Protein backbone atom coordinates (compact mmCIF):
# COMPACT_ATOMS: atom_id res chain seq x y z
CA UNK A 1 143.07 -124.57 193.55
CA UNK A 2 146.15 -123.01 195.70
CA UNK A 3 144.79 -125.24 198.41
CA UNK A 4 145.05 -128.63 199.60
CA UNK A 5 141.87 -129.74 200.70
CA UNK A 6 138.31 -128.17 199.70
CA UNK A 7 135.23 -128.41 202.14
CA UNK A 8 131.95 -128.67 200.25
CA UNK A 9 131.24 -125.00 199.59
CA UNK A 10 135.01 -124.23 198.41
CA UNK A 11 134.71 -127.01 196.02
CA UNK A 12 131.17 -125.42 194.80
CA UNK A 13 132.86 -122.07 194.36
CA UNK A 14 135.78 -123.49 192.71
CA UNK A 15 133.91 -125.35 190.44
CA UNK A 16 131.41 -122.61 189.63
CA UNK A 17 128.66 -125.05 190.42
CA UNK A 18 126.06 -126.20 192.62
CA UNK A 19 126.85 -127.37 195.74
CA UNK A 20 123.72 -129.64 196.49
CA UNK A 21 124.81 -131.17 192.78
CA UNK A 22 128.46 -131.81 194.00
CA UNK A 23 127.18 -133.16 197.32
CA UNK A 24 124.79 -135.91 195.08
CA UNK A 25 127.41 -136.59 193.08
CA UNK A 26 130.06 -137.06 196.08
CA UNK A 27 127.35 -139.20 198.07
CA UNK A 28 127.53 -141.60 194.66
CA UNK A 29 131.35 -141.92 194.47
CA UNK A 30 131.39 -139.87 191.26
CA UNK A 31 133.66 -137.24 193.02
CA UNK A 32 136.93 -138.47 195.23
CA UNK A 33 136.20 -137.27 198.64
CA UNK A 34 136.27 -138.22 202.38
CA UNK A 35 133.55 -137.46 205.18
CA UNK A 36 135.18 -135.77 208.14
CA UNK A 37 133.51 -135.48 210.82
CA UNK A 38 130.03 -136.00 208.51
CA UNK A 39 131.35 -133.38 206.34
CA UNK A 40 132.86 -133.73 203.05
CA UNK A 41 136.57 -132.85 202.17
CA UNK A 42 138.48 -132.78 198.84
CA UNK A 43 142.18 -132.72 198.21
CA UNK A 44 143.17 -130.57 195.43
CA UNK A 45 145.04 -132.72 193.09
CA UNK A 46 142.40 -136.00 193.26
CA UNK A 47 140.06 -132.98 192.09
CA UNK A 48 142.51 -131.92 189.53
CA UNK A 49 142.74 -135.36 188.17
CA UNK A 50 139.09 -136.07 188.13
CA UNK A 51 138.15 -133.00 186.37
CA UNK A 52 141.01 -133.73 183.68
CA UNK A 53 139.01 -137.40 183.03
CA UNK A 54 135.08 -135.41 182.75
CA UNK A 55 136.18 -132.05 180.69
CA UNK A 56 136.57 -134.84 177.82
CA UNK A 57 132.87 -135.11 177.85
CA UNK A 58 132.39 -131.16 178.82
CA UNK A 59 130.47 -128.69 176.35
CA UNK A 60 131.50 -125.99 175.23
CA UNK A 61 129.84 -123.90 178.19
CA UNK A 62 131.07 -126.16 180.76
CA UNK A 63 134.54 -125.58 179.29
CA UNK A 64 134.44 -122.46 179.29
CA UNK A 65 133.18 -122.13 182.65
CA UNK A 66 136.35 -123.90 183.82
CA UNK A 67 138.91 -121.14 182.88
CA UNK A 68 136.81 -118.62 183.92
CA UNK A 69 136.83 -120.56 188.12
CA UNK A 70 140.29 -121.46 187.30
CA UNK A 71 142.29 -118.10 185.25
CA UNK A 72 145.93 -118.78 184.77
CA UNK A 73 148.01 -116.18 186.66
CA UNK A 74 149.82 -113.61 184.52
CA UNK A 75 149.28 -115.35 181.38
CA UNK A 76 147.47 -113.89 178.49
CA UNK A 77 143.99 -115.75 179.22
CA UNK A 78 142.06 -114.26 175.31
CA UNK A 79 145.23 -115.92 173.31
CA UNK A 80 146.15 -118.81 176.22
CA UNK A 81 146.82 -121.37 173.43
CA UNK A 82 149.01 -119.14 170.85
CA UNK A 83 150.63 -116.88 173.85
CA UNK A 84 152.78 -120.21 175.08
CA UNK A 85 153.14 -122.03 172.12
CA UNK A 86 155.17 -119.80 169.89
CA UNK A 87 156.70 -120.83 166.40
CA UNK A 88 160.25 -122.13 167.88
CA UNK A 89 157.74 -124.76 169.94
CA UNK A 90 156.10 -126.37 166.51
CA UNK A 91 157.91 -129.30 164.99
CA UNK A 92 155.48 -130.01 161.61
CA UNK A 93 156.29 -132.54 160.81
CA UNK A 94 157.13 -134.31 163.82
CA UNK A 95 160.01 -137.28 163.32
CA UNK A 96 158.40 -140.21 164.90
CA UNK A 97 157.09 -142.92 165.02
CA UNK A 98 156.31 -144.42 168.47
CA UNK A 99 154.58 -143.05 171.53
CA UNK A 100 158.00 -142.84 173.29
CA UNK A 101 159.33 -141.21 170.51
CA UNK A 102 156.83 -139.17 170.09
CA UNK A 103 157.52 -137.79 173.82
CA UNK A 104 160.92 -137.58 173.66
CA UNK A 105 160.37 -135.74 171.05
CA UNK A 106 158.52 -133.14 172.16
CA UNK A 107 160.15 -133.01 174.94
CA UNK A 108 163.29 -131.72 173.04
CA UNK A 109 161.34 -129.26 170.78
CA UNK A 110 159.81 -127.84 174.40
CA UNK A 111 163.96 -127.71 175.55
CA UNK A 112 164.44 -125.36 173.21
CA UNK A 113 163.32 -122.40 175.25
CA UNK A 114 165.40 -123.53 178.21
CA UNK A 115 162.76 -123.83 180.27
CA UNK A 116 163.04 -127.57 180.55
CA UNK A 117 165.59 -127.87 183.57
CA UNK A 118 164.68 -131.93 183.93
CA UNK A 119 164.39 -133.39 180.75
CA UNK A 120 164.42 -136.81 182.08
CA UNK A 121 162.07 -135.96 184.96
CA UNK A 122 159.83 -134.54 182.75
CA UNK A 123 159.79 -137.54 180.25
CA UNK A 124 158.90 -139.97 183.41
CA UNK A 125 156.27 -137.55 184.52
CA UNK A 126 154.49 -137.64 181.12
CA UNK A 127 154.85 -140.90 180.80
CA UNK A 128 153.40 -142.14 184.02
CA UNK A 129 150.27 -139.72 183.13
CA UNK A 130 150.17 -142.15 180.07
CA UNK A 131 150.04 -144.91 181.88
CA UNK A 132 147.20 -144.12 184.16
CA UNK A 133 145.27 -142.20 181.36
CA UNK A 134 145.82 -142.49 178.08
CA UNK A 135 145.69 -138.55 176.62
CA UNK A 136 144.80 -139.54 173.25
CA UNK A 137 141.00 -138.26 171.70
CA UNK A 138 139.11 -140.21 168.84
CA UNK A 139 139.80 -137.72 166.27
CA UNK A 140 144.07 -138.29 166.25
CA UNK A 141 144.69 -135.09 168.84
CA UNK A 142 146.83 -136.18 172.04
CA UNK A 143 147.70 -133.61 174.95
CA UNK A 144 149.96 -135.75 177.03
CA UNK A 145 151.09 -134.17 180.14
CA UNK A 146 152.51 -134.25 183.60
CA UNK A 147 150.15 -136.21 186.28
CA UNK A 148 151.36 -133.70 188.75
CA UNK A 149 153.54 -130.39 188.73
CA UNK A 150 157.02 -130.95 188.39
CA UNK A 151 158.20 -127.47 189.58
CA UNK A 152 161.80 -128.80 190.41
CA UNK A 153 162.26 -129.77 186.54
CA UNK A 154 160.26 -126.78 184.50
CA UNK A 155 160.39 -123.32 184.85
CA UNK A 156 157.69 -121.04 182.53
CA UNK A 157 154.32 -122.99 181.40
CA UNK A 158 154.92 -123.89 177.48
CA UNK A 159 153.10 -125.95 174.99
CA UNK A 160 154.98 -127.92 172.66
CA UNK A 161 153.45 -128.85 169.40
CA UNK A 162 153.81 -132.17 166.92
CA UNK A 163 152.23 -133.49 163.80
CA UNK A 164 153.41 -136.29 162.80
CA UNK A 165 152.85 -137.82 158.99
CA UNK A 166 150.87 -140.59 160.10
CA UNK A 167 148.99 -141.77 162.77
CA UNK A 168 150.47 -143.72 165.32
CA UNK A 169 148.87 -145.79 168.05
CA UNK A 170 148.64 -143.51 171.49
CA UNK A 171 146.16 -145.18 173.37
CA UNK A 172 142.84 -143.86 171.94
CA UNK A 173 139.46 -145.99 172.37
CA UNK A 174 138.54 -148.01 169.05
CA UNK A 175 142.19 -148.37 168.14
CA UNK A 176 142.29 -144.51 167.03
CA UNK A 177 145.56 -143.36 165.44
CA UNK A 178 147.16 -140.15 166.56
CA UNK A 179 148.98 -137.63 164.86
CA UNK A 180 148.39 -134.54 166.17
CA UNK A 181 150.25 -133.81 170.00
CA UNK A 182 150.17 -131.21 172.34
CA UNK A 183 152.42 -131.16 175.09
CA UNK A 184 150.99 -129.09 178.22
CA UNK A 185 153.60 -128.42 180.69
CA UNK A 186 152.31 -126.38 183.30
CA UNK A 187 153.21 -125.63 187.05
CA UNK A 188 150.29 -124.42 188.80
CA UNK A 189 146.71 -126.17 188.58
CA UNK A 190 144.93 -123.43 186.88
CA UNK A 191 146.65 -122.69 184.43
CA UNK A 192 146.86 -126.18 183.45
CA UNK A 193 143.06 -126.82 184.14
CA UNK A 194 142.54 -123.73 181.93
CA UNK A 195 144.97 -124.68 178.65
CA UNK A 196 143.32 -128.15 178.91
CA UNK A 197 139.44 -126.57 178.68
CA UNK A 198 140.58 -124.05 176.17
CA UNK A 199 142.32 -127.05 174.20
CA UNK A 200 138.61 -129.17 174.58
CA UNK A 201 136.47 -126.02 173.08
CA UNK A 202 138.56 -125.67 170.14
CA UNK A 203 138.92 -129.13 169.46
CA UNK A 204 135.06 -128.39 169.12
CA UNK A 205 134.83 -126.60 166.48
CA UNK A 206 133.98 -128.21 163.70
CA UNK A 207 137.30 -127.83 160.95
CA UNK A 208 140.13 -127.13 163.40
CA UNK A 209 141.38 -130.52 163.92
CA UNK A 210 141.44 -130.72 159.96
CA UNK A 211 143.39 -126.87 159.50
CA UNK A 212 145.61 -128.49 162.38
CA UNK A 213 146.52 -131.33 159.36
CA UNK A 214 146.44 -129.07 156.87
CA UNK A 215 149.15 -127.08 157.96
CA UNK A 216 153.02 -127.21 156.56
CA UNK A 217 155.01 -124.85 158.49
CA UNK A 218 154.91 -123.86 161.92
CA UNK A 219 153.66 -120.50 161.25
CA UNK A 220 150.69 -121.71 159.32
CA UNK A 221 150.03 -124.32 162.27
CA UNK A 222 150.17 -121.23 165.08
CA UNK A 223 147.73 -119.20 163.13
CA UNK A 224 145.44 -121.96 162.52
CA UNK A 225 145.71 -121.60 166.67
CA UNK A 226 145.32 -117.95 166.72
CA UNK A 227 142.28 -118.16 164.58
CA UNK A 228 140.90 -120.61 166.61
CA UNK A 229 141.06 -119.13 169.48
CA UNK A 230 139.38 -115.52 168.21
CA UNK A 231 136.18 -118.32 166.89
CA UNK A 232 135.92 -119.24 170.35
CA UNK A 233 136.59 -115.70 172.48
CA UNK A 234 133.14 -114.66 170.22
CA UNK A 235 131.47 -117.36 170.95
């Protein structure tokens, strides 16, 4: 989604969805947009935020469509998560007991790649996103990330992973605790949306989250990711 704004037809093409369906949703206020001279216009940033929230309830096929319509440039699309998450970016266990310390620790882990140029700016951006909409799911997984790209603070896209020995409050519904964390840092919307969609597909695999909890080393953890991505590729 490189453009700043979209027409209804542009949005339908970008999302791979029927134009009439999107128009109905826009008329009902379900999609953020505004009419200009009688025609719907949608801002790319607002659509990215909206789609993030929508994806939390998407089916595997709907998430796959998000990936297909937002191909990440110059990345290994088949092994998207594992290619962005080398073993050096995996902390098992992650020594943190509070939400802030989790975020600080993950950003420190991400800094091992020398791609985090301004850690304080990244932390502030991730905290802003958490304050707006917590990224924790009821299954104990959270996917913290900046709400908007921070191109001046980071370099190449990456994912830093951590698993704490016990769950901590991270904003999940019904007071569910969180122990698995994927810090997603991307500088462009297509990669960002594709990563979130792929993680969503992985989490819908029946044994994925439990296998992550059983993995005791960075190598074992990354192997779980690699095998899970093979499974979703064959679905």
